[in-house]
Amino acid sequence: WCHDIYTGTSQESAQLASFFSVSGMQVITEGVSWNGFEHNKLLINEAGSDFLETGYLMDVAFEFDARSVVSVDLDLDGRVDLLVVQAESLDPQKPPGEALHVMRNAMSEPHNWIGVRVQQKQPTRSPVGARVIVRTSSGVRMVPIVNGDSFRAQHSNTKHFGLGDVDRVESIEVVWLDGTVSRLESPAINQYHEIP
C-alpha cells in the first residue's frame, strides 16, 4: 500500500476510509492496481558482498499479478525451484482464477550445498519456530522454520544452505522452541539430512 487510512493525522477519518473502500473495490471489480508496474524481483547472492537483481534475465519478472511465491527444491537435486501463483480475479463474486507456475531451476551450479529436513516425530514438538544452524569453517548460518513469509503461502520444513566452495560441514543443529537441541556431526554435503 502506498497510503494508510490514517494519512496525515493518524486519526480515524470517514473521508479517507470511504476513499480507500472505493479504491479497494476498483482493484477487485475493475482490475485497477495501485502498483501495477511492479515486477517480481529475483536476487542472486554475490558471494555475500552484494545482491544482483536478475528477475528480467531469468524470466521471472512477470507482467501478471503474482500473489504467492514459495522456494523449494521440488526434484531434490540441490537447486532451489520457485512456485509462483498468478491471481486472475480478486472479485469475490467470481470464482478465483489462479494459475500455478513452476519455475524449475536448471542452472548448472558448481558450488556445494547441504539440506536439512526438520521432522515432527514428537506430537508435542512442532518444527515451527525451531532454528536450523549450520556450522562450517567459514562461519555459522542460521534460519528459522516459519509457516510462511509470502502471501497465502506455506513453506516446507526443509532448509537449503548454499556452501560455495566449502567442502565440509562441521555440524547441523536444530534448536527447538523448548530449548532442546538435535545435532548431527560431520554430515555429508550435497545431500539432504533428516533431523527428528
Protein backbone atom coordinates (compact mmCIF):
# COMPACT_ATOMS: atom_id res chain seq x y z
CA TRP A 1 0.00 0.00 0.00
CA CYS A 2 1.18 3.45 -0.84
CA HIS A 3 -1.04 5.10 1.75
CA ASP A 4 -2.70 4.49 5.08
CA ILE A 5 -6.31 5.24 6.04
CA TYR A 6 -4.88 7.49 8.75
CA THR A 7 -2.68 9.52 6.38
CA GLY A 8 -1.61 12.82 7.87
CA THR A 9 -3.20 12.90 11.27
CA SER A 10 -3.09 9.25 12.34
CA GLN A 11 -6.67 9.75 13.41
CA GLU A 12 -9.70 7.91 12.05
CA SER A 13 -11.19 9.70 9.05
CA ALA A 14 -14.52 8.80 7.47
CA GLN A 15 -13.48 10.53 4.23
CA LEU A 16 -10.21 8.58 3.92
CA ALA A 17 -11.93 5.32 4.91
CA SER A 18 -14.50 5.92 2.15
CA PHE A 19 -11.77 6.76 -0.37
CA PHE A 20 -9.86 3.55 0.36
CA SER A 21 -13.03 1.49 0.31
CA VAL A 22 -13.90 2.74 -3.19
CA SER A 23 -10.29 2.35 -4.34
CA GLY A 24 -10.18 -1.18 -2.96
CA MET A 25 -13.35 -2.12 -4.84
CA GLN A 26 -11.80 -0.79 -8.07
CA VAL A 27 -8.90 -3.15 -7.56
CA ILE A 28 -11.34 -6.06 -7.20
CA THR A 29 -14.01 -5.23 -9.79
CA GLU A 30 -12.16 -3.25 -12.46
CA GLY A 31 -8.70 -4.78 -12.33
CA VAL A 32 -7.16 -1.48 -11.25
CA SER A 33 -3.83 -1.85 -9.50
CA TRP A 34 -2.12 0.78 -7.41
CA ASN A 35 1.21 -0.90 -8.01
CA GLY A 36 0.55 -2.47 -11.37
CA PHE A 37 4.00 -1.86 -12.76
CA GLU A 38 5.99 -3.54 -10.01
CA HIS A 39 7.77 -6.52 -11.45
CA ASN A 40 8.87 -9.53 -9.47
CA LYS A 41 12.48 -9.46 -8.35
CA LEU A 42 14.95 -12.32 -8.18
CA LEU A 43 18.08 -11.53 -6.23
CA ILE A 44 21.26 -13.53 -6.70
CA ASN A 45 23.76 -13.51 -3.83
CA GLU A 46 27.12 -12.20 -4.97
CA ALA A 47 29.26 -14.29 -2.57
CA GLY A 48 27.94 -12.41 0.44
CA SER A 49 29.13 -9.00 -0.76
CA ASP A 50 26.02 -7.81 -2.60
CA PHE A 51 22.89 -8.94 -4.43
CA LEU A 52 22.29 -8.76 -8.17
CA GLU A 53 18.70 -8.31 -9.44
CA THR A 54 18.15 -10.83 -12.25
CA GLY A 55 14.34 -11.14 -12.44
CA TYR A 56 14.09 -10.00 -16.05
CA LEU A 57 17.08 -12.02 -17.25
CA MET A 58 15.82 -15.17 -15.52
CA ASP A 59 12.30 -14.73 -16.96
CA VAL A 60 10.51 -14.31 -13.63
CA ALA A 61 9.69 -10.56 -13.81
CA PHE A 62 6.13 -11.42 -14.81
CA GLU A 63 3.56 -8.92 -16.07
CA PHE A 64 0.77 -10.81 -14.28
CA ASP A 65 -0.31 -10.31 -10.67
CA ALA A 66 1.95 -12.73 -8.78
CA ARG A 67 0.37 -13.30 -5.38
CA SER A 68 2.31 -16.09 -3.70
CA VAL A 69 5.81 -17.45 -4.04
CA VAL A 70 7.47 -20.43 -2.40
CA SER A 71 11.06 -21.53 -2.87
CA VAL A 72 11.56 -25.29 -2.58
CA ASP A 73 13.76 -27.95 -4.13
CA LEU A 74 10.97 -29.92 -5.82
CA ASP A 75 13.15 -32.53 -7.51
CA LEU A 76 15.70 -32.78 -4.65
CA ASP A 77 18.63 -32.02 -6.96
CA GLY A 78 20.11 -29.35 -4.68
CA ARG A 79 18.86 -26.44 -6.79
CA VAL A 80 16.01 -24.41 -5.33
CA ASP A 81 12.94 -24.08 -7.58
CA LEU A 82 10.14 -21.49 -7.37
CA LEU A 83 6.37 -21.88 -7.21
CA VAL A 84 4.51 -18.71 -8.18
CA VAL A 85 0.73 -18.25 -8.03
CA GLN A 86 -0.85 -15.98 -10.63
CA ALA A 87 -4.07 -14.29 -9.48
CA GLU A 88 -6.56 -13.84 -12.31
CA SER A 89 -9.54 -12.49 -10.40
CA LEU A 90 -9.88 -10.90 -6.98
CA ASP A 91 -13.61 -10.30 -7.42
CA PRO A 92 -15.42 -12.12 -4.57
CA GLN A 93 -18.46 -12.57 -6.88
CA LYS A 94 -16.43 -14.65 -9.33
CA PRO A 95 -14.60 -17.93 -8.80
CA PRO A 96 -10.94 -17.34 -8.10
CA GLY A 97 -8.90 -17.65 -11.21
CA GLU A 98 -5.44 -18.75 -10.25
CA ALA A 99 -2.63 -20.46 -12.09
CA LEU A 100 0.43 -22.12 -10.63
CA HIS A 101 3.75 -21.50 -12.37
CA VAL A 102 6.53 -23.97 -11.57
CA MET A 103 9.92 -22.43 -12.25
CA ARG A 104 12.38 -25.34 -12.28
CA ASN A 105 15.96 -24.33 -11.56
CA ALA A 106 18.08 -25.97 -14.26
CA MET A 107 21.18 -23.81 -13.84
CA SER A 108 24.47 -25.66 -13.66
CA GLU A 109 25.88 -25.00 -10.22
CA PRO A 110 29.46 -25.95 -9.37
CA HIS A 111 29.15 -24.99 -5.71
CA ASN A 112 28.38 -27.18 -2.72
CA TRP A 113 25.21 -27.19 -0.64
CA ILE A 114 23.52 -29.03 2.22
CA GLY A 115 19.85 -29.50 3.04
CA VAL A 116 18.01 -30.18 6.28
CA ARG A 117 14.52 -31.66 6.69
CA VAL A 118 13.19 -30.98 10.17
CA GLN A 119 10.75 -33.74 11.10
CA GLN A 120 7.96 -33.65 13.69
CA LYS A 121 8.49 -37.02 15.37
CA GLN A 122 7.04 -35.99 18.72
CA PRO A 123 3.39 -34.81 18.70
CA THR A 124 4.10 -32.14 21.30
CA ARG A 125 7.09 -30.60 19.50
CA SER A 126 6.35 -28.59 16.36
CA PRO A 127 9.16 -27.64 13.99
CA VAL A 128 7.62 -24.17 13.57
CA GLY A 129 9.81 -21.68 15.39
CA ALA A 130 12.80 -24.00 15.58
CA ARG A 131 16.13 -22.68 14.31
CA VAL A 132 18.39 -24.63 11.96
CA ILE A 133 22.09 -23.86 12.43
CA VAL A 134 24.83 -24.99 10.03
CA ARG A 135 28.44 -24.66 11.22
CA THR A 136 31.34 -24.66 8.77
CA SER A 137 34.94 -23.47 8.80
CA SER A 138 33.75 -20.25 7.16
CA GLY A 139 31.17 -19.44 9.84
CA VAL A 140 27.72 -20.12 11.22
CA ARG A 141 24.43 -19.73 9.34
CA MET A 142 21.01 -19.87 10.95
CA VAL A 143 17.47 -19.88 9.54
CA PRO A 144 14.18 -20.28 11.41
CA ILE A 145 11.37 -22.65 10.45
CA VAL A 146 8.37 -20.44 9.65
CA ASN A 147 4.86 -21.21 8.41
CA GLY A 148 5.18 -18.74 5.58
CA ASP A 149 6.56 -15.36 4.65
CA SER A 150 4.69 -14.87 1.40
CA PHE A 151 1.02 -14.01 0.84
CA ARG A 152 -1.18 -17.12 1.19
CA ALA A 153 1.82 -19.46 1.08
CA GLN A 154 3.20 -22.03 3.49
CA HIS A 155 6.80 -23.17 3.37
CA SER A 156 8.11 -26.66 3.99
CA ASN A 157 10.27 -27.65 6.95
CA THR A 158 13.19 -28.25 4.58
CA LYS A 159 16.01 -25.72 4.54
CA HIS A 160 18.67 -25.39 1.87
CA PHE A 161 22.09 -23.86 2.55
CA GLY A 162 24.45 -22.88 -0.24
CA LEU A 163 28.04 -23.57 0.80
CA GLY A 164 30.01 -22.12 -2.10
CA ASP A 165 33.50 -23.63 -2.12
CA VAL A 166 33.21 -25.00 1.44
CA ASP A 167 33.57 -28.78 1.20
CA ARG A 168 32.92 -29.79 4.82
CA VAL A 169 30.16 -29.08 7.33
CA GLU A 170 31.12 -29.41 10.99
CA SER A 171 27.58 -29.80 12.28
CA ILE A 172 23.90 -29.17 11.82
CA GLU A 173 21.83 -28.24 14.85
CA VAL A 174 18.12 -27.80 15.30
CA VAL A 175 17.27 -25.68 18.34
CA TRP A 176 13.66 -26.42 19.28
CA LEU A 177 11.35 -23.92 20.94
CA ASP A 178 11.60 -25.78 24.25
CA GLY A 179 15.38 -25.29 24.20
CA THR A 180 16.37 -28.85 23.35
CA VAL A 181 18.93 -29.34 20.59
CA SER A 182 19.14 -32.06 17.93
CA ARG A 183 22.64 -32.27 16.47
CA LEU A 184 24.22 -34.06 13.52
CA GLU A 185 28.04 -34.14 13.44
CA SER A 186 30.05 -34.01 10.18
CA PRO A 187 27.12 -34.52 7.79
CA ALA A 188 27.89 -35.23 4.14
CA ILE A 189 27.49 -32.28 1.79
CA ASN A 190 25.42 -32.08 -1.43
CA GLN A 191 22.53 -34.04 0.03
CA TYR A 192 19.57 -33.68 2.39
CA HIS A 193 19.59 -34.86 6.01
CA GLU A 194 16.55 -35.56 8.19
CA ILE A 195 16.67 -34.37 11.77
CA PRO A 196 13.89 -35.59 14.09
